[in-house]
Amino acid sequence: QVQLVESGGGLVQAGGSLRLSCAASERTFSTYSMAWFRQTPGNDREFVAAISWIGGRTSYADSVKGRGTISRDFAKNTIYLQMNSLKPEDTAVYYCAANPTSSGYAYWGQGTQVTVSS
């Protein structure tokens, strides 16, 4: 069973930056494509960014394109989401996910809160 643990959330002023981390519990992490999602109260989880396990191809939601960078460190079994020029609308609980399947991602972390003040 893969366990994912996010960290790095917090309170930041608009225009600031944060780097979120997601550490996986197993070395098989290196064979999974992974992603970041976010969710605000009363809304569905929203895709933020993804990185493939082959080639490290990345994709981003339009809402973060140009401001967010997803990356992975195989040695640390960790992925990151660097977010710059943060906006109040980026406020959400951010989740990392691993191993996309036909019915969605198989593994999820517990989430980390990001709050951007105006």
N, C-alpha and C. Protein backbone atom coordinates (compact mmCIF):
# COMPACT_ATOMS: atom_id res chain seq x y z
N GLN A 1 0.84 -1.19 0.00
CA GLN A 1 0.00 0.00 0.00
C GLN A 1 0.88 1.24 0.00
N VAL A 2 0.64 2.10 -0.94
CA VAL A 2 1.40 3.34 -1.04
C VAL A 2 0.76 4.38 -0.12
N GLN A 3 1.56 5.04 0.67
CA GLN A 3 1.08 6.14 1.49
C GLN A 3 1.73 7.43 1.01
N LEU A 4 0.93 8.47 0.92
CA LEU A 4 1.41 9.77 0.46
C LEU A 4 1.20 10.79 1.57
N VAL A 5 2.23 11.56 1.84
CA VAL A 5 2.15 12.55 2.92
C VAL A 5 2.56 13.90 2.37
N GLU A 6 1.59 14.82 2.36
CA GLU A 6 1.87 16.18 1.89
C GLU A 6 2.37 17.06 3.02
N SER A 7 3.12 18.06 2.67
CA SER A 7 3.58 19.07 3.61
C SER A 7 3.89 20.35 2.86
N GLY A 8 4.09 21.43 3.60
CA GLY A 8 4.50 22.68 2.98
C GLY A 8 3.40 23.72 2.86
N GLY A 9 2.18 23.35 3.22
CA GLY A 9 1.10 24.32 3.17
C GLY A 9 1.24 25.36 4.27
N GLY A 10 0.39 26.37 4.20
CA GLY A 10 0.43 27.41 5.21
C GLY A 10 -0.28 28.66 4.75
N LEU A 11 -0.03 29.73 5.48
CA LEU A 11 -0.62 31.03 5.18
C LEU A 11 0.43 31.89 4.49
N VAL A 12 0.06 32.46 3.38
CA VAL A 12 0.98 33.31 2.62
C VAL A 12 0.22 34.49 2.05
N GLN A 13 0.89 35.61 1.90
CA GLN A 13 0.24 36.78 1.30
C GLN A 13 0.18 36.64 -0.21
N ALA A 14 -0.80 37.29 -0.78
CA ALA A 14 -0.92 37.30 -2.23
C ALA A 14 0.38 37.79 -2.85
N GLY A 15 0.79 37.13 -3.91
CA GLY A 15 2.05 37.45 -4.56
C GLY A 15 3.22 36.63 -4.06
N GLY A 16 3.03 35.92 -2.97
CA GLY A 16 4.08 35.11 -2.40
C GLY A 16 4.19 33.75 -3.06
N SER A 17 5.05 32.90 -2.48
CA SER A 17 5.32 31.58 -3.03
C SER A 17 5.26 30.52 -1.94
N LEU A 18 4.98 29.30 -2.37
CA LEU A 18 5.02 28.14 -1.50
C LEU A 18 5.54 26.97 -2.30
N ARG A 19 6.21 26.03 -1.61
CA ARG A 19 6.56 24.76 -2.24
C ARG A 19 5.94 23.65 -1.42
N LEU A 20 5.04 22.93 -2.07
CA LEU A 20 4.41 21.78 -1.44
C LEU A 20 5.21 20.53 -1.76
N SER A 21 5.26 19.62 -0.80
CA SER A 21 5.95 18.36 -0.98
C SER A 21 5.00 17.20 -0.75
N CYS A 22 5.26 16.10 -1.43
CA CYS A 22 4.48 14.89 -1.23
C CYS A 22 5.45 13.71 -1.22
N ALA A 23 5.60 13.11 -0.06
CA ALA A 23 6.52 11.98 0.08
C ALA A 23 5.74 10.68 0.03
N ALA A 24 6.26 9.75 -0.77
CA ALA A 24 5.62 8.44 -0.90
C ALA A 24 6.36 7.43 -0.05
N SER A 25 5.64 6.41 0.36
CA SER A 25 6.19 5.46 1.32
C SER A 25 6.97 4.31 0.69
N GLU A 26 6.82 4.12 -0.60
CA GLU A 26 7.45 2.96 -1.21
C GLU A 26 8.30 3.35 -2.41
N ARG A 27 9.30 2.52 -2.68
CA ARG A 27 10.16 2.81 -3.82
C ARG A 27 9.43 2.64 -5.15
N THR A 28 8.28 1.91 -5.13
CA THR A 28 7.51 1.76 -6.37
C THR A 28 6.94 3.09 -6.82
N PHE A 29 7.06 4.09 -5.98
CA PHE A 29 6.67 5.45 -6.35
C PHE A 29 7.25 5.83 -7.70
N SER A 30 8.46 5.33 -7.99
CA SER A 30 9.15 5.74 -9.19
C SER A 30 8.46 5.27 -10.46
N THR A 31 7.51 4.33 -10.36
CA THR A 31 6.81 3.84 -11.54
C THR A 31 5.42 4.44 -11.69
N TYR A 32 5.04 5.37 -10.82
CA TYR A 32 3.71 5.94 -10.87
C TYR A 32 3.74 7.35 -11.46
N SER A 33 2.80 7.63 -12.32
CA SER A 33 2.52 9.02 -12.63
C SER A 33 1.82 9.63 -11.42
N MET A 34 2.09 10.90 -11.18
CA MET A 34 1.55 11.54 -9.99
C MET A 34 0.99 12.91 -10.32
N ALA A 35 0.19 13.42 -9.40
CA ALA A 35 -0.49 14.68 -9.68
C ALA A 35 -0.80 15.43 -8.40
N TRP A 36 -1.11 16.69 -8.57
CA TRP A 36 -1.64 17.54 -7.51
C TRP A 36 -3.05 17.96 -7.88
N PHE A 37 -3.93 17.92 -6.87
CA PHE A 37 -5.28 18.42 -6.99
C PHE A 37 -5.51 19.41 -5.85
N ARG A 38 -6.58 20.17 -5.94
CA ARG A 38 -6.96 21.03 -4.83
C ARG A 38 -8.46 21.07 -4.71
N GLN A 39 -8.91 21.41 -3.50
CA GLN A 39 -10.35 21.40 -3.24
C GLN A 39 -10.70 22.49 -2.26
N THR A 40 -11.78 23.19 -2.56
CA THR A 40 -12.35 24.18 -1.65
C THR A 40 -13.69 23.65 -1.15
N PRO A 41 -14.14 24.14 0.00
CA PRO A 41 -15.38 23.63 0.58
C PRO A 41 -16.56 23.71 -0.39
N GLY A 42 -17.28 22.60 -0.51
CA GLY A 42 -18.45 22.56 -1.36
C GLY A 42 -18.19 22.32 -2.83
N ASN A 43 -16.91 22.17 -3.18
CA ASN A 43 -16.55 21.97 -4.58
C ASN A 43 -15.82 20.64 -4.79
N ASP A 44 -15.84 20.16 -6.02
CA ASP A 44 -15.10 18.96 -6.36
C ASP A 44 -13.60 19.25 -6.37
N ARG A 45 -12.83 18.19 -6.24
CA ARG A 45 -11.38 18.34 -6.37
C ARG A 45 -11.05 18.79 -7.79
N GLU A 46 -10.12 19.72 -7.87
CA GLU A 46 -9.75 20.32 -9.14
C GLU A 46 -8.32 19.92 -9.48
N PHE A 47 -8.11 19.49 -10.70
CA PHE A 47 -6.77 19.14 -11.16
C PHE A 47 -5.88 20.38 -11.17
N VAL A 48 -4.65 20.22 -10.70
CA VAL A 48 -3.70 21.33 -10.70
C VAL A 48 -2.53 21.04 -11.65
N ALA A 49 -1.88 19.89 -11.45
CA ALA A 49 -0.71 19.57 -12.26
C ALA A 49 -0.43 18.07 -12.17
N ALA A 50 0.26 17.54 -13.18
CA ALA A 50 0.61 16.13 -13.19
C ALA A 50 1.99 15.95 -13.79
N ILE A 51 2.63 14.84 -13.42
CA ILE A 51 3.92 14.49 -13.98
C ILE A 51 3.94 13.00 -14.25
N SER A 52 4.36 12.61 -15.44
CA SER A 52 4.37 11.21 -15.82
C SER A 52 5.60 10.52 -15.27
N TRP A 53 5.51 9.18 -15.12
CA TRP A 53 6.69 8.47 -14.61
C TRP A 53 7.66 8.13 -15.73
N ILE A 54 7.18 8.12 -16.97
CA ILE A 54 8.06 7.93 -18.12
C ILE A 54 8.33 9.30 -18.72
N GLY A 55 9.54 9.72 -18.67
CA GLY A 55 9.92 10.96 -19.34
C GLY A 55 9.66 12.22 -18.55
N GLY A 56 8.93 12.10 -17.44
CA GLY A 56 8.68 13.28 -16.63
C GLY A 56 7.89 14.36 -17.32
N ARG A 57 7.00 13.95 -18.21
CA ARG A 57 6.17 14.95 -18.90
C ARG A 57 5.21 15.59 -17.90
N THR A 58 5.02 16.88 -18.04
CA THR A 58 4.19 17.63 -17.11
C THR A 58 2.99 18.24 -17.80
N SER A 59 1.93 18.43 -17.04
CA SER A 59 0.76 19.14 -17.55
C SER A 59 0.19 19.97 -16.41
N TYR A 60 -0.49 21.06 -16.77
CA TYR A 60 -0.97 22.01 -15.78
C TYR A 60 -2.38 22.48 -16.12
N ALA A 61 -3.12 22.78 -15.07
CA ALA A 61 -4.40 23.46 -15.27
C ALA A 61 -4.12 24.88 -15.75
N ASP A 62 -5.03 25.41 -16.54
CA ASP A 62 -4.85 26.77 -17.04
C ASP A 62 -4.72 27.77 -15.89
N SER A 63 -5.38 27.47 -14.78
CA SER A 63 -5.40 28.40 -13.66
C SER A 63 -4.04 28.56 -12.99
N VAL A 64 -3.13 27.61 -13.19
CA VAL A 64 -1.80 27.70 -12.56
C VAL A 64 -0.68 27.73 -13.58
N LYS A 65 -1.00 27.60 -14.84
CA LYS A 65 0.03 27.57 -15.87
C LYS A 65 0.85 28.86 -15.82
N GLY A 66 2.15 28.69 -15.80
CA GLY A 66 3.04 29.85 -15.71
C GLY A 66 3.37 30.25 -14.29
N ARG A 67 2.62 29.75 -13.32
CA ARG A 67 2.86 30.07 -11.92
C ARG A 67 3.25 28.84 -11.10
N GLY A 68 2.93 27.68 -11.61
CA GLY A 68 3.19 26.44 -10.88
C GLY A 68 4.18 25.55 -11.62
N THR A 69 4.99 24.83 -10.84
CA THR A 69 5.93 23.87 -11.42
C THR A 69 5.88 22.59 -10.61
N ILE A 70 5.59 21.48 -11.29
CA ILE A 70 5.60 20.18 -10.63
C ILE A 70 6.91 19.50 -10.96
N SER A 71 7.49 18.82 -9.97
CA SER A 71 8.75 18.13 -10.19
C SER A 71 8.80 16.92 -9.28
N ARG A 72 9.78 16.03 -9.54
CA ARG A 72 9.90 14.86 -8.70
C ARG A 72 11.36 14.56 -8.42
N ASP A 73 11.61 14.00 -7.26
CA ASP A 73 12.95 13.59 -6.84
C ASP A 73 12.88 12.09 -6.54
N PHE A 74 13.42 11.29 -7.46
CA PHE A 74 13.33 9.84 -7.30
C PHE A 74 14.10 9.36 -6.08
N ALA A 75 15.20 9.99 -5.77
CA ALA A 75 16.01 9.57 -4.64
C ALA A 75 15.27 9.74 -3.32
N LYS A 76 14.37 10.73 -3.28
CA LYS A 76 13.63 11.02 -2.05
C LYS A 76 12.18 10.53 -2.11
N ASN A 77 11.79 9.87 -3.22
CA ASN A 77 10.40 9.41 -3.38
C ASN A 77 9.42 10.55 -3.12
N THR A 78 9.73 11.69 -3.67
CA THR A 78 8.96 12.89 -3.37
C THR A 78 8.65 13.67 -4.64
N ILE A 79 7.44 14.23 -4.69
CA ILE A 79 7.13 15.20 -5.73
C ILE A 79 6.89 16.54 -5.07
N TYR A 80 7.02 17.58 -5.87
CA TYR A 80 6.89 18.94 -5.37
C TYR A 80 5.93 19.73 -6.26
N LEU A 81 5.34 20.74 -5.67
CA LEU A 81 4.59 21.73 -6.44
C LEU A 81 5.05 23.10 -5.96
N GLN A 82 5.80 23.76 -6.81
CA GLN A 82 6.23 25.13 -6.54
C GLN A 82 5.17 26.07 -7.09
N MET A 83 4.61 26.89 -6.24
CA MET A 83 3.58 27.84 -6.65
C MET A 83 4.08 29.26 -6.38
N ASN A 84 4.10 30.07 -7.43
CA ASN A 84 4.54 31.46 -7.33
C ASN A 84 3.37 32.40 -7.64
N SER A 85 3.57 33.66 -7.32
CA SER A 85 2.54 34.68 -7.60
C SER A 85 1.17 34.21 -7.12
N LEU A 86 1.13 33.75 -5.90
CA LEU A 86 -0.10 33.17 -5.36
C LEU A 86 -1.21 34.21 -5.28
N LYS A 87 -2.43 33.73 -5.51
CA LYS A 87 -3.63 34.56 -5.49
C LYS A 87 -4.58 34.05 -4.43
N PRO A 88 -5.46 34.89 -3.92
CA PRO A 88 -6.44 34.40 -2.93
C PRO A 88 -7.25 33.21 -3.46
N GLU A 89 -7.50 33.17 -4.76
CA GLU A 89 -8.26 32.06 -5.32
C GLU A 89 -7.49 30.75 -5.36
N ASP A 90 -6.21 30.79 -5.00
CA ASP A 90 -5.44 29.56 -4.86
C ASP A 90 -5.66 28.90 -3.51
N THR A 91 -6.37 29.58 -2.62
CA THR A 91 -6.67 29.02 -1.32
C THR A 91 -7.47 27.73 -1.46
N ALA A 92 -6.96 26.66 -0.86
CA ALA A 92 -7.60 25.35 -0.98
C ALA A 92 -6.81 24.34 -0.16
N VAL A 93 -7.37 23.16 -0.02
CA VAL A 93 -6.60 22.01 0.47
C VAL A 93 -5.99 21.34 -0.75
N TYR A 94 -4.70 21.17 -0.72
CA TYR A 94 -3.98 20.57 -1.84
C TYR A 94 -3.67 19.11 -1.52
N TYR A 95 -3.98 18.25 -2.49
CA TYR A 95 -3.78 16.82 -2.35
C TYR A 95 -2.82 16.32 -3.42
N CYS A 96 -1.97 15.37 -3.06
CA CYS A 96 -1.22 14.69 -4.10
C CYS A 96 -1.85 13.32 -4.33
N ALA A 97 -1.67 12.81 -5.53
CA ALA A 97 -2.27 11.56 -5.93
C ALA A 97 -1.27 10.79 -6.78
N ALA A 98 -1.40 9.46 -6.74
CA ALA A 98 -0.48 8.61 -7.50
C ALA A 98 -1.24 7.52 -8.22
N ASN A 99 -0.65 7.07 -9.35
CA ASN A 99 -1.15 5.92 -10.10
C ASN A 99 -2.53 6.13 -10.69
N PRO A 100 -2.60 6.87 -11.76
CA PRO A 100 -3.90 7.08 -12.42
C PRO A 100 -4.42 5.77 -13.01
N THR A 101 -5.71 5.51 -12.82
CA THR A 101 -6.37 4.35 -13.40
C THR A 101 -7.59 4.83 -14.17
N SER A 102 -8.32 3.90 -14.76
CA SER A 102 -9.51 4.26 -15.53
C SER A 102 -10.59 4.87 -14.64
N SER A 103 -10.52 4.60 -13.34
CA SER A 103 -11.53 5.15 -12.44
C SER A 103 -10.96 6.24 -11.54
N GLY A 104 -9.83 6.77 -11.90
CA GLY A 104 -9.23 7.85 -11.12
C GLY A 104 -7.93 7.42 -10.48
N TYR A 105 -7.31 8.32 -9.74
CA TYR A 105 -6.05 8.01 -9.09
C TYR A 105 -6.28 7.01 -7.95
N ALA A 106 -5.34 6.06 -7.84
CA ALA A 106 -5.52 4.98 -6.87
C ALA A 106 -5.16 5.39 -5.46
N TYR A 107 -4.21 6.29 -5.32
CA TYR A 107 -3.70 6.66 -4.01
C TYR A 107 -3.77 8.16 -3.81
N TRP A 108 -4.14 8.55 -2.59
CA TRP A 108 -4.28 9.96 -2.25
C TRP A 108 -3.62 10.25 -0.91
N GLY A 109 -3.09 11.45 -0.79
CA GLY A 109 -2.61 11.91 0.50
C GLY A 109 -3.75 12.51 1.31
N GLN A 110 -3.41 12.99 2.50
CA GLN A 110 -4.42 13.52 3.40
C GLN A 110 -4.70 15.00 3.16
N GLY A 111 -3.85 15.65 2.39
CA GLY A 111 -4.06 17.05 2.05
C GLY A 111 -3.29 18.01 2.94
N THR A 112 -2.98 19.16 2.38
CA THR A 112 -2.33 20.23 3.14
C THR A 112 -3.01 21.55 2.77
N GLN A 113 -3.31 22.35 3.78
CA GLN A 113 -4.06 23.59 3.58
C GLN A 113 -3.14 24.70 3.10
N VAL A 114 -3.56 25.36 2.05
CA VAL A 114 -2.88 26.57 1.57
C VAL A 114 -3.88 27.71 1.66
N THR A 115 -3.50 28.77 2.35
CA THR A 115 -4.36 29.95 2.48
C THR A 115 -3.59 31.16 2.01
N VAL A 116 -4.16 31.87 1.05
CA VAL A 116 -3.52 33.05 0.48
C VAL A 116 -4.34 34.26 0.88
N SER A 117 -3.74 35.16 1.63
CA SER A 117 -4.45 36.35 2.09
C SER A 117 -4.24 37.50 1.10
N SER A 118 -5.28 38.32 0.99
CA SER A 118 -5.21 39.45 0.04
C SER A 118 -4.64 40.69 0.71
